[in-house]
Amino acid sequence: MAKFEKNGAEGTLTFSITQEELKPALDKAFNRVKTKVNVPGFRKGKVSRTVFNKMFGEESLYEDALNHAFPTAYEAALKEVELLDAVVGQPSITDWKAEKGSDWELTVTTALKPEVTLGDYKDLTVEKQDTEVTDEDVAARLEREQTALAELVLKEDTPAENGDTAVIDFEGFVDGVAFEGGKGENHPLELGSGQFIPGFEEQLVGHKAGEEVEVKVTFPEKYQAEDLAGKDAVFKTTIHEVKAKELPALDDEFAKDVDEEVETLDELKAKIRKELEESKKQAAEDARDELAIRQAVENATIADIPEVMIHDEVHNQMNQFLSQMQQQGINPELYYQLTGTTEEDLHKQYEETAVDRVKTNLVIEAIAKAENFEATDEDIQNEIKDLAEQYNMPVEQVEKFLTTDMLKHDIAMKKAIEVVTSTVKEK
């Protein structure tokens, strides 16, 4: 029988692993280790259990068997004391009694979610969001479309300006010695784009095609190539061509190039305005909901948050972000190289908002509990169907990856968010 004692932000759980649960765990441990031992008279991996126990002792399997049996037994013990959703992070085994032929007795300590005392979370009032689309908004969108359709035109005997594209050869030197990765030929560089290290592009402004320029820069202290970090460098640069962007005229032909469904510039403007209105309306609704949730969190009282919750949230966000990058063909090493950052920088970036995200999740969970929200079978099936459509996956595959408990939790969280956002009022 499992027992639990709370001690502030931690708890102590005592529970047993029965012989019935241990038998398959010991079998797995034996099958794994027997392939690695050499026993005279037996081919490798064919030693019998009896001989193995006589030579090495069954106790030699205990630690490996515990690794197999612990997760299921620990989860069952948490369910028994009704604390499955209250613990966070990995448990730490503080006592373990393992005797042959007897149930194993374990004592673990684990961090607990902080207690949440809810304040007002219904019928909240937030500031009304602006949804007006101005002529300036439409003009800015047209300008972006112009830029996207711009052509690069050679500038003859005219100095380069910000926004121009310079086609260059370059080679970098530190203390007079060329360094690896510092050379390029016929490289198109948009001046002012920030593609190169700070200070490089600015020194090409004012120079013409055919000129040679010594560009002097200092590498950032945190640079992906550690041997260059913080060092002064000189790039011997040759400008082959300077090209300026030539924007298309704002006329009916331009409108048809942008959108084949329109015939005139006025039609394009009207369509852009409608798109911006819909976008701004959705953004206003999202902002309103976010303000309501933030206010519900501010109205609540939350005990001290265990550090492990902050740590886990940071790493969840990092893994999610890097997974998205991976889907775009950018692995973590390439991402850090392209951005000139490190894993530590990304960690710090997510640390800044981790506490707020954890607090928000805790309050939403508390609302779901206070409202006794539970997922019906129909809710679960609809959630699986929605996820399958969202990620373009077969329903069976979604069911394979997500447990019923995970789905129930997510559905309850969505219902809790809805009870806050559906009752919010705007000034």
Protein backbone atom coordinates (compact mmCIF):
# COMPACT_ATOMS: atom_id res chain seq x y z
CA MET A 1 0.00 0.00 0.00
CA ALA A 2 1.43 3.36 -1.03
CA LYS A 3 1.86 6.16 1.52
CA PHE A 4 2.57 9.83 0.94
CA GLU A 5 3.81 12.57 3.26
CA LYS A 6 3.93 16.21 2.19
CA ASN A 7 6.77 18.45 3.32
CA GLY A 8 6.40 21.94 1.86
CA ALA A 9 7.15 21.95 -1.85
CA GLU A 10 8.26 18.30 -1.73
CA GLY A 11 6.69 15.01 -0.84
CA THR A 12 7.85 11.55 0.25
CA LEU A 13 6.24 8.53 -1.38
CA THR A 14 6.67 4.99 -0.03
CA PHE A 15 5.48 2.05 -2.11
CA SER A 16 6.22 -1.58 -3.03
CA ILE A 17 7.10 -3.42 -6.19
CA THR A 18 5.61 -6.90 -5.94
CA GLN A 19 7.28 -10.14 -6.91
CA GLU A 20 4.70 -10.49 -9.68
CA GLU A 21 5.81 -7.11 -11.09
CA LEU A 22 9.49 -7.93 -10.57
CA LYS A 23 9.54 -11.25 -12.44
CA PRO A 24 9.22 -9.79 -15.99
CA ALA A 25 11.62 -6.97 -15.03
CA LEU A 26 14.24 -9.48 -13.86
CA ASP A 27 13.68 -11.52 -17.04
CA LYS A 28 14.31 -8.43 -19.17
CA ALA A 29 17.43 -7.58 -17.17
CA PHE A 30 18.77 -11.12 -17.57
CA ASN A 31 18.04 -11.27 -21.32
CA ARG A 32 19.88 -7.99 -21.78
CA VAL A 33 22.96 -8.86 -19.74
CA LYS A 34 23.40 -12.50 -20.82
CA THR A 35 24.50 -11.35 -24.29
CA LYS A 36 27.46 -9.54 -22.70
CA VAL A 37 28.89 -12.23 -20.39
CA ASN A 38 31.30 -15.02 -21.25
CA VAL A 39 30.68 -18.29 -19.37
CA PRO A 40 32.84 -21.36 -20.02
CA GLY A 41 30.82 -24.13 -21.66
CA PHE A 42 28.18 -21.77 -23.07
CA ARG A 43 28.05 -19.90 -26.32
CA LYS A 44 27.78 -16.17 -25.82
CA GLY A 45 24.20 -15.23 -24.99
CA LYS A 46 23.17 -18.85 -24.25
CA VAL A 47 24.00 -19.14 -20.54
CA SER A 48 21.09 -20.46 -18.44
CA ARG A 49 19.48 -18.39 -15.70
CA THR A 50 20.43 -20.95 -13.03
CA VAL A 51 24.10 -20.92 -13.96
CA PHE A 52 24.13 -17.14 -14.22
CA ASN A 53 22.60 -16.76 -10.73
CA LYS A 54 25.18 -19.17 -9.24
CA MET A 55 28.10 -17.34 -10.84
CA PHE A 56 27.02 -13.71 -10.53
CA GLY A 57 24.07 -13.72 -8.14
CA GLU A 58 20.55 -12.63 -8.94
CA GLU A 59 21.34 -9.40 -7.08
CA SER A 60 23.51 -8.33 -10.02
CA LEU A 61 20.28 -7.93 -12.01
CA TYR A 62 18.47 -5.81 -9.44
CA GLU A 63 19.50 -2.33 -10.59
CA ASP A 64 18.66 -3.07 -14.23
CA ALA A 65 15.37 -4.70 -13.18
CA LEU A 66 14.49 -1.64 -11.12
CA ASN A 67 14.93 0.55 -14.20
CA HIS A 68 12.40 -1.64 -16.01
CA ALA A 69 9.86 -1.95 -13.18
CA PHE A 70 10.08 1.49 -11.54
CA PRO A 71 8.15 3.72 -14.00
CA THR A 72 4.99 1.59 -14.00
CA ALA A 73 5.09 0.94 -10.24
CA TYR A 74 5.75 4.62 -9.47
CA GLU A 75 2.84 5.75 -11.64
CA ALA A 76 0.53 3.18 -10.01
CA ALA A 77 1.57 4.39 -6.54
CA LEU A 78 0.87 8.01 -7.47
CA LYS A 79 -2.57 7.02 -8.75
CA GLU A 80 -3.24 5.15 -5.52
CA VAL A 81 -2.57 8.24 -3.39
CA GLU A 82 -4.33 10.43 -6.00
CA LEU A 83 -1.26 12.55 -6.75
CA LEU A 84 -0.50 11.61 -10.36
CA ASP A 85 -1.15 15.17 -11.57
CA ALA A 86 0.48 16.85 -8.57
CA VAL A 87 4.12 15.77 -8.93
CA VAL A 88 6.66 17.39 -11.26
CA GLY A 89 10.13 16.48 -12.44
CA GLN A 90 11.93 13.22 -11.86
CA PRO A 91 11.68 11.46 -8.45
CA SER A 92 14.77 10.76 -6.38
CA ILE A 93 15.08 7.34 -4.70
CA THR A 94 16.14 7.85 -1.09
CA ASP A 95 15.66 4.30 0.22
CA TRP A 96 15.47 0.91 -1.49
CA LYS A 97 15.08 -2.45 0.25
CA ALA A 98 15.48 -5.35 -2.16
CA GLU A 99 15.52 -8.88 -0.69
CA LYS A 100 15.35 -12.03 -2.77
CA GLY A 101 11.89 -13.54 -2.76
CA SER A 102 10.29 -10.48 -1.12
CA ASP A 103 8.54 -7.40 -2.46
CA TRP A 104 10.87 -4.45 -2.88
CA GLU A 105 10.21 -1.40 -0.71
CA LEU A 106 11.05 2.01 -2.09
CA THR A 107 10.96 5.57 -0.76
CA VAL A 108 11.25 8.47 -3.16
CA THR A 109 11.11 12.24 -2.86
CA THR A 110 9.51 14.34 -5.54
CA ALA A 111 8.74 17.99 -6.19
CA LEU A 112 5.10 19.07 -6.06
CA LYS A 113 3.15 21.58 -8.08
CA PRO A 114 2.56 24.73 -6.02
CA GLU A 115 -0.88 25.36 -4.58
CA VAL A 116 -3.03 27.82 -6.52
CA THR A 117 -5.72 29.97 -4.94
CA LEU A 118 -7.93 31.31 -7.70
CA GLY A 119 -9.19 34.87 -7.82
CA ASP A 120 -11.76 36.20 -10.30
CA TYR A 121 -11.56 34.50 -13.67
CA LYS A 122 -15.04 35.02 -15.11
CA ASP A 123 -16.66 38.22 -16.41
CA LEU A 124 -13.32 40.01 -16.52
CA THR A 125 -12.98 43.40 -18.23
CA VAL A 126 -10.15 44.26 -20.62
CA GLU A 127 -9.32 47.21 -22.85
CA LYS A 128 -11.00 47.15 -26.27
CA GLN A 129 -8.56 46.36 -29.07
CA ASP A 130 -8.17 48.54 -32.16
CA THR A 131 -9.48 46.92 -35.36
CA GLU A 132 -9.39 49.95 -37.71
CA VAL A 133 -7.53 49.55 -41.00
CA THR A 134 -6.14 52.85 -42.30
CA ASP A 135 -5.09 54.00 -45.75
CA GLU A 136 -1.52 53.91 -44.42
CA ASP A 137 -1.89 50.20 -43.62
CA VAL A 138 -3.01 49.49 -47.19
CA ALA A 139 -0.17 51.62 -48.59
CA ALA A 140 2.40 49.77 -46.47
CA ARG A 141 1.13 46.42 -47.77
CA LEU A 142 1.31 47.70 -51.37
CA GLU A 143 4.87 48.87 -50.75
CA ARG A 144 5.85 45.38 -49.57
CA GLU A 145 4.30 43.91 -52.72
CA GLN A 146 6.25 46.42 -54.80
CA THR A 147 9.49 45.44 -53.11
CA ALA A 148 8.76 41.75 -53.70
CA LEU A 149 8.34 42.41 -57.46
CA ALA A 150 11.27 44.81 -57.72
CA GLU A 151 13.97 44.17 -60.33
CA LEU A 152 17.69 44.67 -59.81
CA VAL A 153 19.16 47.16 -62.29
CA LEU A 154 22.89 47.80 -62.77
CA LYS A 155 24.13 51.18 -61.50
CA GLU A 156 26.76 52.61 -63.82
CA ASP A 157 29.47 54.66 -62.08
CA THR A 158 27.13 55.41 -59.17
CA PRO A 159 28.07 54.84 -55.50
CA ALA A 160 26.30 52.04 -53.63
CA GLU A 161 23.54 52.97 -51.17
CA ASN A 162 21.72 51.10 -48.44
CA GLY A 163 19.22 48.78 -50.11
CA ASP A 164 21.46 48.22 -53.15
CA THR A 165 22.93 44.80 -53.89
CA ALA A 166 26.70 44.62 -54.30
CA VAL A 167 28.26 41.59 -56.04
CA ILE A 168 31.61 41.09 -54.31
CA ASP A 169 34.69 38.93 -53.88
CA PHE A 170 36.08 38.96 -50.35
CA GLU A 171 38.76 37.32 -48.26
CA GLY A 172 39.20 37.78 -44.52
CA PHE A 173 42.49 38.07 -42.62
CA VAL A 174 43.31 38.09 -38.89
CA ASP A 175 46.80 39.38 -38.06
CA GLY A 176 47.61 39.14 -41.77
CA VAL A 177 46.68 35.45 -42.03
CA ALA A 178 43.67 34.26 -44.05
CA PHE A 179 41.19 32.25 -41.97
CA GLU A 180 38.98 29.33 -42.93
CA GLY A 181 35.49 30.22 -44.14
CA GLY A 182 36.39 33.86 -44.71
CA LYS A 183 36.50 33.78 -48.51
CA GLY A 184 33.77 34.19 -51.12
CA GLU A 185 33.45 34.98 -54.82
CA ASN A 186 30.65 36.76 -56.73
CA HIS A 187 28.59 36.94 -53.59
CA PRO A 188 25.43 39.09 -53.86
CA LEU A 189 25.09 41.16 -50.68
CA GLU A 190 22.15 43.47 -49.99
CA LEU A 191 23.59 46.43 -48.10
CA GLY A 192 21.75 47.06 -44.86
CA SER A 193 20.34 43.53 -44.67
CA GLY A 194 22.58 42.48 -41.78
CA GLN A 195 23.75 39.30 -43.54
CA PHE A 196 27.39 39.92 -42.67
CA ILE A 197 28.93 40.72 -39.30
CA PRO A 198 28.24 44.21 -37.89
CA GLY A 199 30.18 46.99 -39.62
CA PHE A 200 30.88 45.14 -42.88
CA GLU A 201 28.04 46.30 -45.10
CA GLU A 202 28.20 49.95 -43.98
CA GLN A 203 31.79 50.23 -45.27
CA LEU A 204 30.72 49.35 -48.82
CA VAL A 205 28.20 52.19 -48.96
CA GLY A 206 29.55 55.07 -51.10
CA HIS A 207 31.81 52.83 -53.20
CA LYS A 208 31.37 52.01 -56.90
CA ALA A 209 31.70 48.92 -59.08
CA GLY A 210 35.35 48.14 -59.84
CA GLU A 211 36.66 49.51 -56.53
CA GLU A 212 38.66 47.53 -53.98
CA VAL A 213 37.84 48.17 -50.34
CA GLU A 214 39.57 47.04 -47.14
CA VAL A 215 36.73 46.41 -44.72
CA LYS A 216 37.83 46.46 -41.08
CA VAL A 217 35.58 44.74 -38.53
CA THR A 218 35.65 43.14 -35.09
CA PHE A 219 34.00 39.76 -34.64
CA PRO A 220 31.38 39.61 -31.85
CA GLU A 221 32.55 38.23 -28.48
CA LYS A 222 30.01 35.44 -28.91
CA TYR A 223 30.70 34.11 -32.39
CA GLN A 224 30.05 30.58 -33.66
CA ALA A 225 33.70 30.20 -34.69
CA GLU A 226 35.35 30.48 -31.26
CA ASP A 227 38.82 31.05 -32.73
CA LEU A 228 37.54 34.30 -34.31
CA ALA A 229 35.39 35.58 -31.43
CA GLY A 230 36.32 39.11 -30.38
CA LYS A 231 39.16 39.41 -32.91
CA ASP A 232 39.85 42.27 -35.34
CA ALA A 233 39.77 41.30 -39.00
CA VAL A 234 40.38 42.86 -42.41
CA PHE A 235 38.37 41.76 -45.45
CA LYS A 236 39.98 42.54 -48.80
CA THR A 237 36.90 43.16 -50.91
CA THR A 238 36.39 43.74 -54.64
CA ILE A 239 33.09 45.21 -55.84
CA HIS A 240 32.18 43.76 -59.25
CA GLU A 241 28.68 45.20 -59.63
CA VAL A 242 26.24 47.45 -57.84
CA LYS A 243 22.54 46.89 -58.48
CA ALA A 244 19.63 49.01 -57.35
CA LYS A 245 16.05 47.91 -56.82
CA GLU A 246 13.68 49.27 -59.44
CA LEU A 247 10.13 49.23 -58.12
CA PRO A 248 7.24 48.57 -60.52
CA ALA A 249 4.70 51.34 -61.06
CA LEU A 250 1.53 51.19 -58.98
CA ASP A 251 -0.94 50.59 -61.80
CA ASP A 252 -3.45 48.02 -63.02
CA GLU A 253 -0.72 45.82 -64.54
CA PHE A 254 1.06 45.72 -61.19
CA ALA A 255 -2.22 44.75 -59.52
CA LYS A 256 -2.69 41.80 -61.90
CA ASP A 257 0.90 40.67 -61.27
CA VAL A 258 0.24 40.65 -57.53
CA ASP A 259 -3.14 38.91 -57.67
CA GLU A 260 -4.52 37.23 -60.78
CA GLU A 261 -8.06 37.47 -59.39
CA VAL A 262 -8.14 41.28 -59.74
CA GLU A 263 -8.16 43.49 -62.84
CA THR A 264 -7.42 46.94 -61.43
CA LEU A 265 -5.36 48.62 -58.74
CA ASP A 266 -8.53 49.76 -56.96
CA GLU A 267 -9.75 46.15 -56.81
CA LEU A 268 -6.40 45.11 -55.34
CA LYS A 269 -6.58 47.86 -52.72
CA ALA A 270 -10.12 46.80 -51.77
CA LYS A 271 -9.04 43.16 -51.46
CA ILE A 272 -6.00 44.07 -49.37
CA ARG A 273 -8.19 46.20 -47.08
CA LYS A 274 -10.60 43.32 -46.55
CA GLU A 275 -7.74 40.90 -45.78
CA LEU A 276 -6.20 43.37 -43.33
CA GLU A 277 -9.59 43.91 -41.63
CA GLU A 278 -10.05 40.17 -41.14
CA SER A 279 -6.47 39.79 -39.92
CA LYS A 280 -6.75 42.72 -37.51
CA LYS A 281 -10.09 41.44 -36.18
CA GLN A 282 -8.56 38.03 -35.46
CA ALA A 283 -5.50 39.66 -33.87
CA ALA A 284 -7.78 41.78 -31.67
CA GLU A 285 -9.71 38.71 -30.53
CA ASP A 286 -6.45 36.90 -29.75
CA ALA A 287 -5.14 39.92 -27.82
CA ARG A 288 -8.41 40.22 -25.89
CA ASP A 289 -8.26 36.54 -24.90
CA GLU A 290 -4.60 36.84 -23.93
CA LEU A 291 -5.34 39.87 -21.73
CA ALA A 292 -8.19 37.98 -20.04
CA ILE A 293 -5.99 34.96 -19.29
CA ARG A 294 -3.21 37.24 -18.02
CA GLN A 295 -5.68 38.99 -15.72
CA ALA A 296 -6.96 35.65 -14.37
CA VAL A 297 -3.34 34.69 -13.61
CA GLU A 298 -2.69 38.04 -11.88
CA ASN A 299 -5.84 37.57 -9.77
CA ALA A 300 -4.62 34.18 -8.53
CA THR A 301 -2.20 33.48 -5.68
CA ILE A 302 0.49 30.91 -6.48
CA ALA A 303 2.93 29.38 -3.99
CA ASP A 304 6.65 29.19 -4.79
CA ILE A 305 7.25 27.39 -8.09
CA PRO A 306 9.80 24.52 -7.98
CA GLU A 307 12.86 25.22 -10.09
CA VAL A 308 12.35 21.94 -11.94
CA MET A 309 9.09 23.28 -13.44
CA ILE A 310 10.91 26.31 -14.85
CA HIS A 311 13.72 24.11 -16.16
CA ASP A 312 11.30 21.68 -17.83
CA GLU A 313 9.30 24.51 -19.43
CA VAL A 314 12.45 26.09 -20.89
CA HIS A 315 13.55 22.80 -22.41
CA ASN A 316 10.07 22.00 -23.73
CA GLN A 317 10.01 25.34 -25.55
CA MET A 318 13.55 24.89 -26.87
CA ASN A 319 12.81 21.38 -28.14
CA GLN A 320 9.61 22.57 -29.80
CA PHE A 321 11.41 25.46 -31.51
CA LEU A 322 14.35 23.35 -32.68
CA SER A 323 11.94 20.68 -33.95
CA GLN A 324 10.22 23.35 -36.07
CA MET A 325 13.62 24.41 -37.41
CA GLN A 326 14.42 20.77 -38.20
CA GLN A 327 11.23 20.50 -40.26
CA GLN A 328 12.56 23.40 -42.35
CA GLY A 329 15.81 21.54 -42.91
CA ILE A 330 17.81 23.49 -40.30
CA ASN A 331 19.42 21.34 -37.61
CA PRO A 332 20.45 22.88 -34.26
CA GLU A 333 24.12 23.24 -35.22
CA LEU A 334 23.22 25.08 -38.43
CA TYR A 335 20.71 27.30 -36.59
CA TYR A 336 23.34 28.40 -34.05
CA GLN A 337 25.82 29.02 -36.87
CA LEU A 338 23.38 31.08 -38.94
CA THR A 339 22.25 33.21 -35.99
CA GLY A 340 25.64 33.52 -34.32
CA THR A 341 24.14 32.24 -31.06
CA THR A 342 24.66 29.27 -28.74
CA GLU A 343 22.46 26.75 -26.94
CA GLU A 344 23.03 28.81 -23.80
CA ASP A 345 21.69 31.95 -25.56
CA LEU A 346 18.53 30.10 -26.62
CA HIS A 347 18.11 28.78 -23.08
CA LYS A 348 18.31 32.31 -21.67
CA GLN A 349 15.85 33.57 -24.27
CA TYR A 350 13.18 31.10 -23.10
CA GLU A 351 14.05 31.61 -19.42
CA GLU A 352 12.72 35.17 -19.66
CA THR A 353 9.13 34.03 -20.17
CA ALA A 354 9.22 30.55 -18.59
CA VAL A 355 7.88 31.68 -15.19
CA ASP A 356 4.88 33.41 -16.78
CA ARG A 357 4.09 30.35 -18.92
CA VAL A 358 4.28 28.03 -15.91
CA LYS A 359 2.03 30.31 -13.86
CA THR A 360 -0.47 30.47 -16.71
CA ASN A 361 -0.60 26.67 -17.02
CA LEU A 362 -1.04 26.26 -13.27
CA VAL A 363 -3.95 28.71 -13.16
CA ILE A 364 -5.68 27.15 -16.18
CA GLU A 365 -5.34 23.70 -14.57
CA ALA A 366 -6.79 25.10 -11.34
CA ILE A 367 -9.76 26.57 -13.23
CA ALA A 368 -10.40 23.23 -14.95
CA LYS A 369 -10.39 21.53 -11.54
CA ALA A 370 -12.63 24.18 -9.95
CA GLU A 371 -15.14 23.85 -12.81
CA ASN A 372 -14.96 20.02 -12.70
CA PHE A 373 -14.30 19.91 -16.42
CA GLU A 374 -14.08 16.38 -17.76
CA ALA A 375 -13.68 15.10 -21.30
CA THR A 376 -16.43 12.91 -22.72
CA ASP A 377 -15.78 10.10 -25.19
CA GLU A 378 -17.17 12.38 -27.88
CA ASP A 379 -14.75 15.16 -26.83
CA ILE A 380 -11.83 12.75 -27.10
CA GLN A 381 -12.83 11.49 -30.53
CA ASN A 382 -13.33 15.05 -31.82
CA GLU A 383 -9.92 16.07 -30.43
CA ILE A 384 -8.22 13.13 -32.15
CA LYS A 385 -9.96 13.97 -35.42
CA ASP A 386 -8.95 17.66 -35.16
CA LEU A 387 -5.32 16.77 -34.44
CA ALA A 388 -5.24 14.32 -37.34
CA GLU A 389 -6.48 17.03 -39.71
CA GLN A 390 -4.16 19.67 -38.26
CA TYR A 391 -1.02 17.54 -38.67
CA ASN A 392 -2.21 15.62 -41.74
CA MET A 393 -1.87 12.29 -39.96
CA PRO A 394 -4.06 9.17 -39.89
CA VAL A 395 -6.38 8.99 -36.86
CA GLU A 396 -4.77 5.69 -35.83
CA GLN A 397 -1.35 7.33 -35.68
CA VAL A 398 -2.61 10.13 -33.42
CA GLU A 399 -4.18 7.53 -31.11
CA LYS A 400 -0.86 5.72 -31.00
CA PHE A 401 1.11 8.80 -29.89
CA LEU A 402 -1.36 10.31 -27.41
CA THR A 403 -2.76 8.56 -24.37
CA THR A 404 -6.33 9.05 -23.17
CA ASP A 405 -5.03 10.84 -20.05
CA MET A 406 -3.06 13.32 -22.18
CA LEU A 407 -6.09 14.03 -24.34
CA LYS A 408 -8.36 14.45 -21.31
CA HIS A 409 -5.91 16.93 -19.79
CA ASP A 410 -5.67 18.99 -23.00
CA ILE A 411 -9.44 19.06 -23.45
CA ALA A 412 -9.99 20.18 -19.85
CA MET A 413 -7.41 22.95 -20.35
CA LYS A 414 -9.19 24.14 -23.50
CA LYS A 415 -12.51 24.22 -21.66
CA ALA A 416 -10.91 26.22 -18.84
CA ILE A 417 -9.51 28.76 -21.29
CA GLU A 418 -12.91 29.04 -22.94
CA VAL A 419 -14.68 29.78 -19.65
CA VAL A 420 -12.33 32.75 -19.17
CA THR A 421 -12.36 34.07 -22.73
CA SER A 422 -16.07 33.53 -23.46
CA THR A 423 -17.14 35.68 -20.51
CA VAL A 424 -14.66 38.54 -20.94
CA LYS A 425 -16.00 42.04 -21.56
CA GLU A 426 -14.28 44.94 -23.34
CA LYS A 427 -14.25 48.53 -22.17
